[in-house]
Amino acid sequence: MMCEEQRKKIDQIIQQLKNAQSEVQEAYETTMMSDAKCAVSSLCDDLKKNESIDPSIKSQLMPYFEAAHSAILSSESTHKRAGICGDKLNEAESCIIKILSKL
């Protein structure tokens, strides 16, 4: 039962992650960063505040989300920020896949 609940919570994170990835890709292509910043900030904040996710899962994901958040807020060029952020979000997605395979 606990695994099923965690899967549902992780599925919600995946949906948010996919949205953030899409916004970051659009930012990379158009240099319009505001929606990407909002999506990545929301993803990071929501995971931090979500107490129903197992702390061990959260601790595995937070470094990726925090790195993505730092990248999108950095003073680098728009393309570089979006590129680094997108890479970190992709790494987070890989981590989530590994986590799901163990549940």
C-alpha atoms as a PDB file:
ATOM      1  CA  MET A   1       0.000   0.000   0.000  1.00  0.00           C
ATOM      2  CA  MET A   2       2.770   2.432   0.905  1.00  0.00           C
ATOM      3  CA  CYS A   3       4.492   1.757  -2.406  1.00  0.00           C
ATOM      4  CA  GLU A   4       1.283   2.485  -4.294  1.00  0.00           C
ATOM      5  CA  GLU A   5       0.863   5.809  -2.497  1.00  0.00           C
ATOM      6  CA  GLN A   6       4.470   6.732  -3.259  1.00  0.00           C
ATOM      7  CA  ARG A   7       3.966   5.802  -6.917  1.00  0.00           C
ATOM      8  CA  LYS A   8       0.968   8.138  -7.113  1.00  0.00           C
ATOM      9  CA  LYS A   9       2.949  10.968  -5.542  1.00  0.00           C
ATOM     10  CA  ILE A  10       5.883  10.310  -7.864  1.00  0.00           C
ATOM     11  CA  ASP A  11       3.501  10.286 -10.846  1.00  0.00           C
ATOM     12  CA  GLN A  12       2.423  13.788  -9.826  1.00  0.00           C
ATOM     13  CA  ILE A  13       6.061  14.857  -9.672  1.00  0.00           C
ATOM     14  CA  ILE A  14       6.650  13.341 -13.102  1.00  0.00           C
ATOM     15  CA  GLN A  15       3.790  15.397 -14.558  1.00  0.00           C
ATOM     16  CA  GLN A  16       5.230  18.548 -13.035  1.00  0.00           C
ATOM     17  CA  LEU A  17       8.696  17.571 -14.252  1.00  0.00           C
ATOM     18  CA  LYS A  18       7.406  17.059 -17.801  1.00  0.00           C
ATOM     19  CA  ASN A  19       5.774  20.488 -17.683  1.00  0.00           C
ATOM     20  CA  ALA A  20       9.001  22.076 -16.446  1.00  0.00           C
ATOM     21  CA  GLN A  21      10.998  20.303 -19.167  1.00  0.00           C
ATOM     22  CA  SER A  22       8.589  21.605 -21.788  1.00  0.00           C
ATOM     23  CA  GLU A  23       8.809  25.163 -20.463  1.00  0.00           C
ATOM     24  CA  VAL A  24      12.608  25.016 -20.335  1.00  0.00           C
ATOM     25  CA  GLN A  25      12.751  23.686 -23.900  1.00  0.00           C
ATOM     26  CA  GLU A  26      10.504  26.526 -25.022  1.00  0.00           C
ATOM     27  CA  ALA A  27      12.712  29.011 -23.150  1.00  0.00           C
ATOM     28  CA  TYR A  28      15.752  27.581 -24.921  1.00  0.00           C
ATOM     29  CA  GLU A  29      14.083  28.048 -28.298  1.00  0.00           C
ATOM     30  CA  THR A  30      12.500  31.462 -27.689  1.00  0.00           C
ATOM     31  CA  THR A  31      14.656  33.009 -24.927  1.00  0.00           C
ATOM     32  CA  MET A  32      11.460  33.732 -22.954  1.00  0.00           C
ATOM     33  CA  MET A  33      12.453  32.590 -19.461  1.00  0.00           C
ATOM     34  CA  SER A  34       9.561  33.653 -17.213  1.00  0.00           C
ATOM     35  CA  ASP A  35       7.373  30.541 -17.645  1.00  0.00           C
ATOM     36  CA  ALA A  36      10.391  28.258 -17.311  1.00  0.00           C
ATOM     37  CA  LYS A  37      11.456  29.996 -14.098  1.00  0.00           C
ATOM     38  CA  CYS A  38       7.962  29.604 -12.671  1.00  0.00           C
ATOM     39  CA  ALA A  39       7.698  25.938 -13.640  1.00  0.00           C
ATOM     40  CA  VAL A  40      11.114  25.015 -12.224  1.00  0.00           C
ATOM     41  CA  SER A  41      10.584  27.052  -9.044  1.00  0.00           C
ATOM     42  CA  SER A  42       7.201  25.429  -8.509  1.00  0.00           C
ATOM     43  CA  LEU A  43       8.627  21.950  -9.073  1.00  0.00           C
ATOM     44  CA  CYS A  44      11.405  22.543  -6.555  1.00  0.00           C
ATOM     45  CA  ASP A  45       9.184  24.207  -3.949  1.00  0.00           C
ATOM     46  CA  ASP A  46       6.426  21.619  -4.216  1.00  0.00           C
ATOM     47  CA  LEU A  47       8.824  18.740  -3.657  1.00  0.00           C
ATOM     48  CA  LYS A  48      10.363  20.498  -0.644  1.00  0.00           C
ATOM     49  CA  LYS A  49       6.937  21.069   0.907  1.00  0.00           C
ATOM     50  CA  ASN A  50       5.446  17.662   0.069  1.00  0.00           C
ATOM     51  CA  GLU A  51       5.543  15.742   3.334  1.00  0.00           C
ATOM     52  CA  SER A  52       3.791  12.698   1.903  1.00  0.00           C
ATOM     53  CA  ILE A  53       6.803  11.717  -0.186  1.00  0.00           C
ATOM     54  CA  ASP A  54       9.252   9.398   1.497  1.00  0.00           C
ATOM     55  CA  PRO A  55      12.241  11.420   2.762  1.00  0.00           C
ATOM     56  CA  SER A  56      14.697   9.019   1.125  1.00  0.00           C
ATOM     57  CA  ILE A  57      13.059   9.602  -2.267  1.00  0.00           C
ATOM     58  CA  LYS A  58      12.989  13.336  -1.672  1.00  0.00           C
ATOM     59  CA  SER A  59      16.679  13.363  -0.744  1.00  0.00           C
ATOM     60  CA  GLN A  60      17.538  11.618  -4.013  1.00  0.00           C
ATOM     61  CA  LEU A  61      15.586  14.097  -6.145  1.00  0.00           C
ATOM     62  CA  MET A  62      16.233  17.417  -4.443  1.00  0.00           C
ATOM     63  CA  PRO A  63      19.840  17.842  -5.625  1.00  0.00           C
ATOM     64  CA  TYR A  64      18.687  17.663  -9.254  1.00  0.00           C
ATOM     65  CA  PHE A  65      15.761  20.020  -8.736  1.00  0.00           C
ATOM     66  CA  GLU A  66      17.864  22.482  -6.753  1.00  0.00           C
ATOM     67  CA  ALA A  67      20.580  22.404  -9.429  1.00  0.00           C
ATOM     68  CA  ALA A  68      17.959  23.011 -12.123  1.00  0.00           C
ATOM     69  CA  HIS A  69      16.544  25.881 -10.088  1.00  0.00           C
ATOM     70  CA  SER A  70      19.982  27.420  -9.559  1.00  0.00           C
ATOM     71  CA  ALA A  71      20.754  27.097 -13.259  1.00  0.00           C
ATOM     72  CA  ILE A  72      17.564  28.779 -14.405  1.00  0.00           C
ATOM     73  CA  LEU A  73      18.200  31.700 -12.015  1.00  0.00           C
ATOM     74  CA  SER A  74      21.888  32.123 -12.842  1.00  0.00           C
ATOM     75  CA  SER A  75      23.343  35.098 -14.684  1.00  0.00           C
ATOM     76  CA  GLU A  76      24.474  33.014 -17.658  1.00  0.00           C
ATOM     77  CA  SER A  77      23.028  33.519 -21.127  1.00  0.00           C
ATOM     78  CA  THR A  78      19.460  32.357 -21.664  1.00  0.00           C
ATOM     79  CA  HIS A  79      20.544  29.432 -23.830  1.00  0.00           C
ATOM     80  CA  LYS A  80      23.139  28.297 -21.322  1.00  0.00           C
ATOM     81  CA  ARG A  81      20.711  28.582 -18.386  1.00  0.00           C
ATOM     82  CA  ALA A  82      18.011  26.665 -20.224  1.00  0.00           C
ATOM     83  CA  GLY A  83      20.504  24.052 -21.408  1.00  0.00           C
ATOM     84  CA  ILE A  84      21.956  23.366 -17.967  1.00  0.00           C
ATOM     85  CA  CYS A  85      18.526  23.408 -16.357  1.00  0.00           C
ATOM     86  CA  GLY A  86      17.184  20.998 -18.973  1.00  0.00           C
ATOM     87  CA  ASP A  87      20.112  18.645 -18.379  1.00  0.00           C
ATOM     88  CA  LYS A  88      19.418  18.611 -14.628  1.00  0.00           C
ATOM     89  CA  LEU A  89      15.727  17.960 -15.198  1.00  0.00           C
ATOM     90  CA  ASN A  90      16.617  15.073 -17.508  1.00  0.00           C
ATOM     91  CA  GLU A  91      18.917  13.672 -14.825  1.00  0.00           C
ATOM     92  CA  ALA A  92      16.050  13.974 -12.334  1.00  0.00           C
ATOM     93  CA  GLU A  93      13.817  12.043 -14.712  1.00  0.00           C
ATOM     94  CA  SER A  94      16.404   9.255 -14.925  1.00  0.00           C
ATOM     95  CA  CYS A  95      16.596   9.186 -11.148  1.00  0.00           C
ATOM     96  CA  ILE A  96      12.806   8.918 -10.893  1.00  0.00           C
ATOM     97  CA  ILE A  97      12.809   5.983 -13.299  1.00  0.00           C
ATOM     98  CA  LYS A  98      15.370   4.210 -11.089  1.00  0.00           C
ATOM     99  CA  ILE A  99      13.314   4.952  -7.985  1.00  0.00           C
ATOM    100  CA  LEU A 100      10.125   3.600  -9.577  1.00  0.00           C
ATOM    101  CA  SER A 101      11.899   0.421 -10.622  1.00  0.00           C
ATOM    102  CA  LYS A 102      12.705  -0.242  -6.952  1.00  0.00           C
ATOM    103  CA  LEU A 103       9.199   0.368  -5.593  1.00  0.00           C
END
